[in-house]
PDB file of N, CA and C in Angstrom:
ATOM      1  N   MET A   1     -39.702 -56.188 -56.762  1.00  0.00           N
ATOM      2  CA  MET A   1     -38.251 -56.263 -56.692  1.00  0.00           C
ATOM      3  C   MET A   1     -37.663 -54.947 -57.191  1.00  0.00           C
ATOM      4  N   ALA A   2     -36.752 -54.342 -56.433  1.00  0.00           N
ATOM      5  CA  ALA A   2     -36.124 -53.083 -56.798  1.00  0.00           C
ATOM      6  C   ALA A   2     -35.065 -53.319 -57.871  1.00  0.00           C
ATOM      7  N   GLU A   3     -34.868 -52.295 -58.711  1.00  0.00           N
ATOM      8  CA  GLU A   3     -33.824 -52.378 -59.706  1.00  0.00           C
ATOM      9  C   GLU A   3     -32.470 -52.343 -59.018  1.00  0.00           C
ATOM     10  N   LEU A   4     -31.488 -53.041 -59.588  1.00  0.00           N
ATOM     11  CA  LEU A   4     -30.162 -53.074 -58.996  1.00  0.00           C
ATOM     12  C   LEU A   4     -29.383 -51.794 -59.275  1.00  0.00           C
ATOM     13  N   GLU A   5     -29.632 -51.163 -60.411  1.00  0.00           N
ATOM     14  CA  GLU A   5     -28.957 -49.926 -60.749  1.00  0.00           C
ATOM     15  C   GLU A   5     -29.974 -48.939 -61.282  1.00  0.00           C
ATOM     16  N   ASP A   6     -29.688 -47.659 -61.061  1.00  0.00           N
ATOM     17  CA  ASP A   6     -30.568 -46.594 -61.505  1.00  0.00           C
ATOM     18  C   ASP A   6     -29.713 -45.561 -62.227  1.00  0.00           C
ATOM     19  N   GLU A   7     -30.126 -45.139 -63.417  1.00  0.00           N
ATOM     20  CA  GLU A   7     -29.375 -44.124 -64.143  1.00  0.00           C
ATOM     21  C   GLU A   7     -29.827 -42.747 -63.662  1.00  0.00           C
ATOM     22  N   HIS A   8     -28.863 -41.926 -63.288  1.00  0.00           N
ATOM     23  CA  HIS A   8     -29.159 -40.587 -62.777  1.00  0.00           C
ATOM     24  C   HIS A   8     -28.463 -39.560 -63.660  1.00  0.00           C
ATOM     25  N   HIS A   9     -29.205 -38.554 -64.147  1.00  0.00           N
ATOM     26  CA  HIS A   9     -28.676 -37.480 -64.993  1.00  0.00           C
ATOM     27  C   HIS A   9     -28.500 -36.225 -64.150  1.00  0.00           C
ATOM     28  N   PHE A  10     -27.393 -35.507 -64.393  1.00  0.00           N
ATOM     29  CA  PHE A  10     -27.100 -34.301 -63.619  1.00  0.00           C
ATOM     30  C   PHE A  10     -26.060 -33.473 -64.369  1.00  0.00           C
ATOM     31  N   PRO A  11     -25.936 -32.174 -64.039  1.00  0.00           N
ATOM     32  CA  PRO A  11     -24.923 -31.335 -64.688  1.00  0.00           C
ATOM     33  C   PRO A  11     -23.561 -31.494 -64.014  1.00  0.00           C
ATOM     34  N   CYS A  12     -22.512 -31.553 -64.802  1.00  0.00           N
ATOM     35  CA  CYS A  12     -21.156 -31.617 -64.269  1.00  0.00           C
ATOM     36  C   CYS A  12     -20.863 -30.314 -63.529  1.00  0.00           C
ATOM     37  N   PRO A  13     -20.278 -30.380 -62.319  1.00  0.00           N
ATOM     38  CA  PRO A  13     -19.977 -29.158 -61.575  1.00  0.00           C
ATOM     39  C   PRO A  13     -18.823 -28.351 -62.174  1.00  0.00           C
ATOM     40  N   TYR A  14     -18.119 -28.893 -63.153  1.00  0.00           N
ATOM     41  CA  TYR A  14     -17.033 -28.170 -63.819  1.00  0.00           C
ATOM     42  C   TYR A  14     -17.494 -27.551 -65.139  1.00  0.00           C
ATOM     43  N   CYS A  15     -17.971 -28.405 -66.052  1.00  0.00           N
ATOM     44  CA  CYS A  15     -18.271 -27.944 -67.418  1.00  0.00           C
ATOM     45  C   CYS A  15     -19.760 -27.749 -67.679  1.00  0.00           C
ATOM     46  N   SER A  16     -20.602 -28.101 -66.735  1.00  0.00           N
ATOM     47  CA  SER A  16     -22.066 -27.965 -66.818  1.00  0.00           C
ATOM     48  C   SER A  16     -22.732 -28.844 -67.871  1.00  0.00           C
ATOM     49  N   SER A  17     -21.975 -29.748 -68.476  1.00  0.00           N
ATOM     50  CA  SER A  17     -22.569 -30.680 -69.439  1.00  0.00           C
ATOM     51  C   SER A  17     -23.491 -31.644 -68.706  1.00  0.00           C
ATOM     52  N   GLU A  18     -24.565 -32.035 -69.359  1.00  0.00           N
ATOM     53  CA  GLU A  18     -25.478 -33.036 -68.801  1.00  0.00           C
ATOM     54  C   GLU A  18     -24.809 -34.401 -68.926  1.00  0.00           C
ATOM     55  N   VAL A  19     -24.568 -35.054 -67.805  1.00  0.00           N
ATOM     56  CA  VAL A  19     -23.930 -36.372 -67.784  1.00  0.00           C
ATOM     57  C   VAL A  19     -24.821 -37.342 -67.013  1.00  0.00           C
ATOM     58  N   SER A  20     -24.501 -38.604 -67.091  1.00  0.00           N
ATOM     59  CA  SER A  20     -25.286 -39.595 -66.353  1.00  0.00           C
ATOM     60  C   SER A  20     -24.346 -40.608 -65.714  1.00  0.00           C
ATOM     61  N   ILE A  21     -24.862 -41.246 -64.687  1.00  0.00           N
ATOM     62  CA  ILE A  21     -24.096 -42.247 -63.953  1.00  0.00           C
ATOM     63  C   ILE A  21     -25.071 -43.329 -63.490  1.00  0.00           C
ATOM     64  N   LEU A  22     -24.594 -44.568 -63.451  1.00  0.00           N
ATOM     65  CA  LEU A  22     -25.388 -45.646 -62.881  1.00  0.00           C
ATOM     66  C   LEU A  22     -25.098 -45.714 -61.395  1.00  0.00           C
ATOM     67  N   ILE A  23     -26.133 -45.627 -60.587  1.00  0.00           N
ATOM     68  CA  ILE A  23     -25.974 -45.705 -59.139  1.00  0.00           C
ATOM     69  C   ILE A  23     -26.664 -46.964 -58.633  1.00  0.00           C
ATOM     70  N   ASP A  24     -26.096 -47.536 -57.591  1.00  0.00           N
ATOM     71  CA  ASP A  24     -26.524 -48.845 -57.112  1.00  0.00           C
ATOM     72  C   ASP A  24     -26.957 -48.760 -55.647  1.00  0.00           C
ATOM     73  N   PRO A  25     -28.230 -48.964 -55.352  1.00  0.00           N
ATOM     74  CA  PRO A  25     -28.695 -48.895 -53.964  1.00  0.00           C
ATOM     75  C   PRO A  25     -28.097 -49.976 -53.068  1.00  0.00           C
ATOM     76  N   SER A  26     -27.579 -51.056 -53.637  1.00  0.00           N
ATOM     77  CA  SER A  26     -27.001 -52.108 -52.805  1.00  0.00           C
ATOM     78  C   SER A  26     -25.638 -51.684 -52.224  1.00  0.00           C
ATOM     79  N   GLY A  27     -25.133 -50.517 -52.643  1.00  0.00           N
ATOM     80  CA  GLY A  27     -23.873 -50.013 -52.117  1.00  0.00           C
ATOM     81  C   GLY A  27     -24.005 -49.369 -50.748  1.00  0.00           C
ATOM     82  N   GLY A  28     -25.219 -49.317 -50.224  1.00  0.00           N
ATOM     83  CA  GLY A  28     -25.436 -48.743 -48.902  1.00  0.00           C
ATOM     84  C   GLY A  28     -26.363 -47.546 -48.957  1.00  0.00           C
ATOM     85  N   ARG A  29     -26.958 -47.233 -47.814  1.00  0.00           N
ATOM     86  CA  ARG A  29     -27.908 -46.128 -47.726  1.00  0.00           C
ATOM     87  C   ARG A  29     -27.253 -44.788 -48.051  1.00  0.00           C
ATOM     88  N   ARG A  30     -26.034 -44.573 -47.542  1.00  0.00           N
ATOM     89  CA  ARG A  30     -25.260 -43.366 -47.837  1.00  0.00           C
ATOM     90  C   ARG A  30     -23.993 -43.774 -48.568  1.00  0.00           C
ATOM     91  N   GLN A  31     -23.732 -43.105 -49.689  1.00  0.00           N
ATOM     92  CA  GLN A  31     -22.556 -43.426 -50.492  1.00  0.00           C
ATOM     93  C   GLN A  31     -21.809 -42.141 -50.847  1.00  0.00           C
ATOM     94  N   THR A  32     -20.483 -42.220 -50.850  1.00  0.00           N
ATOM     95  CA  THR A  32     -19.620 -41.130 -51.298  1.00  0.00           C
ATOM     96  C   THR A  32     -18.511 -41.756 -52.130  1.00  0.00           C
ATOM     97  N   PHE A  33     -18.309 -41.225 -53.344  1.00  0.00           N
ATOM     98  CA  PHE A  33     -17.246 -41.742 -54.195  1.00  0.00           C
ATOM     99  C   PHE A  33     -16.827 -40.667 -55.195  1.00  0.00           C
ATOM    100  N   THR A  34     -15.676 -40.869 -55.819  1.00  0.00           N
ATOM    101  CA  THR A  34     -15.162 -39.958 -56.842  1.00  0.00           C
ATOM    102  C   THR A  34     -15.453 -40.561 -58.206  1.00  0.00           C
ATOM    103  N   TRP A  35     -15.862 -39.707 -59.129  1.00  0.00           N
ATOM    104  CA  TRP A  35     -16.225 -40.146 -60.481  1.00  0.00           C
ATOM    105  C   TRP A  35     -15.757 -39.088 -61.458  1.00  0.00           C
ATOM    106  N   ASP A  36     -15.201 -39.487 -62.607  1.00  0.00           N
ATOM    107  CA  ASP A  36     -14.725 -38.545 -63.615  1.00  0.00           C
ATOM    108  C   ASP A  36     -15.833 -38.205 -64.606  1.00  0.00           C
ATOM    109  N   CYS A  37     -15.968 -36.905 -64.912  1.00  0.00           N
ATOM    110  CA  CYS A  37     -16.954 -36.461 -65.905  1.00  0.00           C
ATOM    111  C   CYS A  37     -16.641 -37.109 -67.246  1.00  0.00           C
ATOM    112  N   GLU A  38     -17.655 -37.623 -67.925  1.00  0.00           N
ATOM    113  CA  GLU A  38     -17.453 -38.277 -69.213  1.00  0.00           C
ATOM    114  C   GLU A  38     -17.193 -37.279 -70.334  1.00  0.00           C
ATOM    115  N   VAL A  39     -17.385 -35.970 -70.079  1.00  0.00           N
ATOM    116  CA  VAL A  39     -17.157 -34.936 -71.091  1.00  0.00           C
ATOM    117  C   VAL A  39     -15.798 -34.255 -70.881  1.00  0.00           C
ATOM    118  N   CYS A  40     -15.570 -33.677 -69.681  1.00  0.00           N
ATOM    119  CA  CYS A  40     -14.332 -32.916 -69.437  1.00  0.00           C
ATOM    120  C   CYS A  40     -13.275 -33.726 -68.684  1.00  0.00           C
ATOM    121  N   CYS A  41     -13.621 -34.920 -68.210  1.00  0.00           N
ATOM    122  CA  CYS A  41     -12.698 -35.858 -67.538  1.00  0.00           C
ATOM    123  C   CYS A  41     -12.184 -35.377 -66.184  1.00  0.00           C
ATOM    124  N   ARG A  42     -12.785 -34.356 -65.600  1.00  0.00           N
ATOM    125  CA  ARG A  42     -12.339 -33.880 -64.292  1.00  0.00           C
ATOM    126  C   ARG A  42     -13.062 -34.654 -63.192  1.00  0.00           C
ATOM    127  N   PRO A  43     -12.365 -34.888 -62.059  1.00  0.00           N
ATOM    128  CA  PRO A  43     -12.955 -35.689 -60.982  1.00  0.00           C
ATOM    129  C   PRO A  43     -13.949 -34.893 -60.144  1.00  0.00           C
ATOM    130  N   MET A  44     -15.066 -35.522 -59.837  1.00  0.00           N
ATOM    131  CA  MET A  44     -16.066 -34.906 -58.963  1.00  0.00           C
ATOM    132  C   MET A  44     -16.389 -35.871 -57.837  1.00  0.00           C
ATOM    133  N   VAL A  45     -16.817 -35.311 -56.731  1.00  0.00           N
ATOM    134  CA  VAL A  45     -17.231 -36.130 -55.594  1.00  0.00           C
ATOM    135  C   VAL A  45     -18.746 -36.281 -55.667  1.00  0.00           C
ATOM    136  N   ILE A  46     -19.209 -37.510 -55.639  1.00  0.00           N
ATOM    137  CA  ILE A  46     -20.639 -37.824 -55.658  1.00  0.00           C
ATOM    138  C   ILE A  46     -21.032 -38.253 -54.252  1.00  0.00           C
ATOM    139  N   ARG A  47     -22.071 -37.630 -53.712  1.00  0.00           N
ATOM    140  CA  ARG A  47     -22.637 -38.022 -52.419  1.00  0.00           C
ATOM    141  C   ARG A  47     -24.120 -38.285 -52.651  1.00  0.00           C
ATOM    142  N   LEU A  48     -24.573 -39.444 -52.200  1.00  0.00           N
ATOM    143  CA  LEU A  48     -25.989 -39.755 -52.378  1.00  0.00           C
ATOM    144  C   LEU A  48     -26.529 -40.499 -51.176  1.00  0.00           C
ATOM    145  N   GLU A  49     -27.834 -40.426 -51.047  1.00  0.00           N
ATOM    146  CA  GLU A  49     -28.500 -41.111 -49.941  1.00  0.00           C
ATOM    147  C   GLU A  49     -29.793 -41.726 -50.460  1.00  0.00           C
ATOM    148  N   TRP A  50     -29.984 -42.992 -50.125  1.00  0.00           N
ATOM    149  CA  TRP A  50     -31.194 -43.730 -50.484  1.00  0.00           C
ATOM    150  C   TRP A  50     -32.155 -43.731 -49.311  1.00  0.00           C
ATOM    151  N   GLY A  51     -33.435 -43.655 -49.601  1.00  0.00           N
ATOM    152  CA  GLY A  51     -34.468 -43.773 -48.587  1.00  0.00           C
ATOM    153  C   GLY A  51     -35.432 -44.874 -48.993  1.00  0.00           C
ATOM    154  N   ASP A  52     -36.507 -45.014 -48.249  1.00  0.00           N
ATOM    155  CA  ASP A  52     -37.494 -46.061 -48.536  1.00  0.00           C
ATOM    156  C   ASP A  52     -38.133 -45.894 -49.912  1.00  0.00           C
ATOM    157  N   GLY A  53     -38.271 -44.650 -50.365  1.00  0.00           N
ATOM    158  CA  GLY A  53     -38.907 -44.387 -51.653  1.00  0.00           C
ATOM    159  C   GLY A  53     -37.943 -44.272 -52.812  1.00  0.00           C
ATOM    160  N   GLY A  54     -36.659 -44.575 -52.600  1.00  0.00           N
ATOM    161  CA  GLY A  54     -35.665 -44.464 -53.661  1.00  0.00           C
ATOM    162  C   GLY A  54     -34.604 -43.430 -53.318  1.00  0.00           C
ATOM    163  N   LEU A  55     -34.050 -42.818 -54.326  1.00  0.00           N
ATOM    164  CA  LEU A  55     -32.991 -41.838 -54.139  1.00  0.00           C
ATOM    165  C   LEU A  55     -33.555 -40.588 -53.471  1.00  0.00           C
ATOM    166  N   GLN A  56     -33.001 -40.215 -52.319  1.00  0.00           N
ATOM    167  CA  GLN A  56     -33.486 -39.065 -51.555  1.00  0.00           C
ATOM    168  C   GLN A  56     -32.621 -37.823 -51.781  1.00  0.00           C
ATOM    169  N   GLN A  57     -31.313 -38.031 -51.942  1.00  0.00           N
ATOM    170  CA  GLN A  57     -30.400 -36.901 -52.104  1.00  0.00           C
ATOM    171  C   GLN A  57     -29.278 -37.296 -53.048  1.00  0.00           C
ATOM    172  N   PHE A  58     -28.898 -36.362 -53.937  1.00  0.00           N
ATOM    173  CA  PHE A  58     -27.786 -36.575 -54.854  1.00  0.00           C
ATOM    174  C   PHE A  58     -27.049 -35.255 -54.991  1.00  0.00           C
ATOM    175  N   VAL A  59     -25.743 -35.271 -54.697  1.00  0.00           N
ATOM    176  CA  VAL A  59     -24.917 -34.071 -54.809  1.00  0.00           C
ATOM    177  C   VAL A  59     -23.664 -34.430 -55.591  1.00  0.00           C
ATOM    178  N   ALA A  60     -23.363 -33.632 -56.613  1.00  0.00           N
ATOM    179  CA  ALA A  60     -22.114 -33.769 -57.372  1.00  0.00           C
ATOM    180  C   ALA A  60     -21.376 -32.448 -57.226  1.00  0.00           C
ATOM    181  N   GLU A  61     -20.148 -32.500 -56.691  1.00  0.00           N
ATOM    182  CA  GLU A  61     -19.392 -31.273 -56.477  1.00  0.00           C
ATOM    183  C   GLU A  61     -17.943 -31.456 -56.920  1.00  0.00           C
ATOM    184  N   GLN A  62     -17.274 -30.329 -57.158  1.00  0.00           N
ATOM    185  CA  GLN A  62     -15.878 -30.378 -57.558  1.00  0.00           C
ATOM    186  C   GLN A  62     -15.045 -31.004 -56.454  1.00  0.00           C
ATOM    187  N   GLU A  63     -14.072 -31.797 -56.882  1.00  0.00           N
ATOM    188  CA  GLU A  63     -13.169 -32.407 -55.908  1.00  0.00           C
ATOM    189  C   GLU A  63     -12.249 -31.333 -55.346  1.00  0.00           C
ATOM    190  N   SER A  64     -12.022 -31.333 -54.053  1.00  0.00           N
ATOM    191  CA  SER A  64     -11.171 -30.313 -53.417  1.00  0.00           C
ATOM    192  C   SER A  64      -9.711 -30.604 -53.631  1.00  0.00           C
TER     193      SER A  64
END
């Protein structure tokens, strides 16, 4: 049985602080959403893609 949520660590695209987010594979194979950095509070766009082996791609970028 796959885990419902997975914690993913990455650097904030604004302040470069190491932050983490819980991501949920049940949200679909490809997901895009906005999330605020827990350190600098600026919004970033998260894009991710799940594959058969788990998380295949994760991108966090500054919101335009």
